[in-house]
Amino acid sequence: MSQLIVLSAVGTDRAGVVNDISRVILDCGGNIDESRMTTLGAEFAVLMLISGNWHTLNKLESALDKLTGDGNLAISIKKTDEAKPAADCMPYAIDVVCLDHPGIVFNLANFFASRQIDIAEVATKRYAAAHTGAPMFSMQMTVNIPGSTQLAQIRDEFLEMCDQLNLDAIMEPVKA
């Protein structure tokens, strides 16, 4: 029976770090089912969902310790279960672009949390505007809206909040 493990790693960015981690996973009998990897500042960060037999977890714990020996990489693993499908929910994509300022992520997260809407994924980025160099912020988010929710009302409230916060936003159903 297959087991699931979530691996998170953060460390100094360098060439070969993905190779090193993926080699250990393969050597221990694991398979990378899903992953998110990025560079944040001078650090590399990764989240992986790994599947394998019951032996995989024990082997991974020992083998991954060798990668953390020099202190430049911190790794943690945790057993998990299959994700339960969002019952009676509709996935919606949220795209936001605005001048960067504190509180954007909090205000959006608070909006959805206060309405019992699950946030499934979030990706954010800060960048300089093309011609002016102004600090810009973009966010892509996937939320699961319960089927019992009045979509028109949620959309209106969301766009009103975005207008108040001076956020350019789009909210549309995820198309398979």
Protein backbone atom coordinates (compact mmCIF):
# COMPACT_ATOMS: atom_id res chain seq x y z
CA MET A 1 0.00 0.00 0.00
CA SER A 2 1.34 3.40 -0.95
CA GLN A 3 2.14 5.96 1.72
CA LEU A 4 2.26 9.73 1.20
CA ILE A 5 4.91 12.03 2.59
CA VAL A 6 5.17 15.81 2.39
CA LEU A 7 8.74 17.06 2.17
CA SER A 8 9.65 20.70 2.69
CA ALA A 9 13.17 22.02 2.21
CA VAL A 10 14.73 25.47 2.44
CA GLY A 11 18.36 26.26 1.90
CA THR A 12 20.98 28.31 0.17
CA ASP A 13 20.28 28.34 -3.57
CA ARG A 14 22.86 26.48 -5.61
CA ALA A 15 23.07 24.45 -8.79
CA GLY A 16 22.26 20.79 -8.15
CA VAL A 17 19.99 21.06 -5.11
CA VAL A 18 16.97 19.62 -7.01
CA ASN A 19 19.20 16.86 -8.35
CA ASP A 20 20.40 15.97 -4.85
CA ILE A 21 16.93 15.87 -3.30
CA SER A 22 15.31 13.98 -6.19
CA ARG A 23 18.18 11.43 -6.25
CA VAL A 24 17.66 10.62 -2.56
CA ILE A 25 13.91 10.23 -3.10
CA LEU A 26 14.46 7.90 -6.06
CA ASP A 27 17.13 5.87 -4.25
CA CYS A 28 14.77 5.37 -1.30
CA GLY A 29 11.95 4.09 -3.52
CA GLY A 30 9.89 7.26 -3.48
CA ASN A 31 8.08 8.96 -6.33
CA ILE A 32 7.48 12.72 -6.57
CA ASP A 33 3.73 13.08 -7.19
CA GLU A 34 3.51 16.88 -6.89
CA SER A 35 6.01 19.64 -6.23
CA ARG A 36 6.44 23.38 -5.99
CA MET A 37 9.95 24.81 -6.16
CA THR A 38 11.19 28.39 -6.24
CA THR A 39 13.99 30.73 -5.33
CA LEU A 40 13.13 33.27 -2.63
CA GLY A 41 15.88 35.84 -2.21
CA ALA A 42 19.10 33.85 -2.03
CA GLU A 43 17.26 30.78 -0.72
CA PHE A 44 15.76 27.81 -2.54
CA ALA A 45 12.45 26.39 -1.28
CA VAL A 46 10.65 23.20 -2.23
CA LEU A 47 7.46 21.41 -1.24
CA MET A 48 6.91 17.89 -2.51
CA LEU A 49 4.28 15.21 -2.16
CA ILE A 50 6.11 11.89 -2.29
CA SER A 51 4.55 8.45 -2.57
CA GLY A 52 6.15 5.14 -1.75
CA ASN A 53 5.79 2.02 0.34
CA TRP A 54 5.97 2.01 4.15
CA HIS A 55 9.77 1.62 4.00
CA THR A 56 10.17 4.88 2.08
CA LEU A 57 9.59 7.15 5.11
CA ASN A 58 12.24 5.47 7.24
CA LYS A 59 14.77 5.40 4.40
CA LEU A 60 14.10 9.04 3.53
CA GLU A 61 14.60 10.27 7.10
CA SER A 62 18.09 8.78 7.25
CA ALA A 63 19.14 9.61 3.70
CA LEU A 64 17.93 13.21 3.81
CA ASP A 65 19.91 13.84 7.01
CA LYS A 66 23.06 13.52 4.89
CA LEU A 67 21.92 16.47 2.73
CA THR A 68 21.50 18.71 5.76
CA GLY A 69 24.93 18.00 7.25
CA ASP A 70 26.60 21.21 6.06
CA GLY A 71 23.85 23.42 7.53
CA ASN A 72 22.91 24.98 4.19
CA LEU A 73 19.69 22.98 3.78
CA ALA A 74 16.85 22.36 6.26
CA ILE A 75 14.50 19.49 5.42
CA SER A 76 11.38 18.30 7.14
CA ILE A 77 9.07 15.42 6.23
CA LYS A 78 5.59 14.52 7.42
CA LYS A 79 3.27 11.62 6.69
CA THR A 80 -0.05 12.62 5.16
CA ASP A 81 -3.18 11.15 3.59
CA GLU A 82 -4.79 11.58 0.18
CA ALA A 83 -6.51 14.94 -0.19
CA LYS A 84 -10.24 14.70 0.09
CA PRO A 85 -11.98 16.25 -2.92
CA ALA A 86 -13.73 19.52 -2.14
CA ALA A 87 -17.32 18.25 -1.97
CA ASP A 88 -19.93 20.43 -3.62
CA CYS A 89 -17.43 23.22 -4.31
CA MET A 90 -16.61 25.22 -7.41
CA PRO A 91 -12.97 26.17 -8.01
CA TYR A 92 -12.43 29.83 -8.87
CA ALA A 93 -9.26 31.54 -10.06
CA ILE A 94 -8.38 34.90 -8.55
CA ASP A 95 -5.83 37.19 -10.22
CA VAL A 96 -4.75 40.42 -8.53
CA VAL A 97 -2.29 43.09 -9.68
CA CYS A 98 -1.62 46.34 -7.83
CA LEU A 99 0.99 48.71 -6.50
CA ASP A 100 2.73 46.87 -3.69
CA HIS A 101 1.72 47.76 -0.14
CA PRO A 102 1.47 45.87 3.16
CA GLY A 103 -1.64 43.82 3.89
CA ILE A 104 -2.65 42.62 0.43
CA VAL A 105 -2.35 38.89 1.22
CA PHE A 106 -3.95 39.34 4.63
CA ASN A 107 -6.93 41.28 3.27
CA LEU A 108 -7.61 38.71 0.54
CA ALA A 109 -7.15 35.75 2.90
CA ASN A 110 -9.39 37.42 5.48
CA PHE A 111 -12.09 38.04 2.87
CA PHE A 112 -12.28 34.35 1.94
CA ALA A 113 -11.79 32.97 5.47
CA SER A 114 -14.61 35.13 6.84
CA ARG A 115 -16.92 33.53 4.25
CA GLN A 116 -15.76 29.94 4.91
CA ILE A 117 -14.17 29.74 1.44
CA ASP A 118 -11.14 27.46 1.26
CA ILE A 119 -7.96 28.78 -0.36
CA ALA A 120 -6.41 25.89 -2.31
CA GLU A 121 -3.36 27.62 -3.82
CA VAL A 122 -1.59 30.97 -3.64
CA ALA A 123 1.36 32.38 -5.58
CA THR A 124 2.61 35.94 -5.13
CA LYS A 125 5.33 38.01 -6.69
CA ARG A 126 6.76 41.49 -6.24
CA TYR A 127 8.30 43.15 -9.31
CA ALA A 128 9.14 46.53 -10.83
CA ALA A 129 6.64 48.06 -13.28
CA ALA A 130 7.90 48.07 -16.87
CA HIS A 131 8.20 51.79 -17.59
CA THR A 132 8.05 53.46 -14.21
CA GLY A 133 9.89 50.99 -12.00
CA ALA A 134 7.09 51.31 -9.41
CA PRO A 135 6.91 48.38 -6.96
CA MET A 136 4.12 46.09 -8.19
CA PHE A 137 2.50 43.04 -6.63
CA SER A 138 0.72 40.14 -8.31
CA MET A 139 -1.16 37.25 -6.79
CA GLN A 140 -2.74 34.19 -8.31
CA MET A 141 -5.05 32.21 -6.08
CA THR A 142 -7.40 29.26 -6.43
CA VAL A 143 -10.35 29.12 -4.03
CA ASN A 144 -13.06 26.49 -3.56
CA ILE A 145 -16.45 28.16 -3.24
CA PRO A 146 -19.19 26.04 -1.62
CA GLY A 147 -22.08 25.25 -3.95
CA SER A 148 -24.56 26.78 -1.51
CA THR A 149 -22.86 30.20 -1.80
CA GLN A 150 -24.49 32.95 -3.82
CA LEU A 151 -21.81 33.47 -6.49
CA ALA A 152 -23.06 36.85 -7.68
CA GLN A 153 -23.02 38.18 -4.12
CA ILE A 154 -19.49 36.85 -3.41
CA ARG A 155 -18.21 38.26 -6.70
CA ASP A 156 -19.78 41.68 -5.99
CA GLU A 157 -18.39 41.79 -2.44
CA PHE A 158 -14.96 40.67 -3.64
CA LEU A 159 -14.75 43.26 -6.42
CA GLU A 160 -16.03 45.99 -4.07
CA MET A 161 -13.31 45.15 -1.54
CA CYS A 162 -10.70 45.16 -4.32
CA ASP A 163 -11.89 48.58 -5.47
CA GLN A 164 -11.61 49.90 -1.89
CA LEU A 165 -8.05 48.54 -1.62
CA ASN A 166 -7.12 49.73 -5.12
CA LEU A 167 -6.50 46.19 -6.39
CA ASP A 168 -7.06 45.27 -10.03
CA ALA A 169 -8.69 41.85 -9.76
CA ILE A 170 -10.38 39.13 -11.77
CA MET A 171 -12.50 36.31 -10.32
CA GLU A 172 -13.53 33.56 -12.74
CA PRO A 173 -14.34 29.85 -12.67
CA VAL A 174 -11.45 27.46 -13.22
CA LYS A 175 -11.94 25.76 -16.57
CA ALA A 176 -10.73 22.19 -16.77
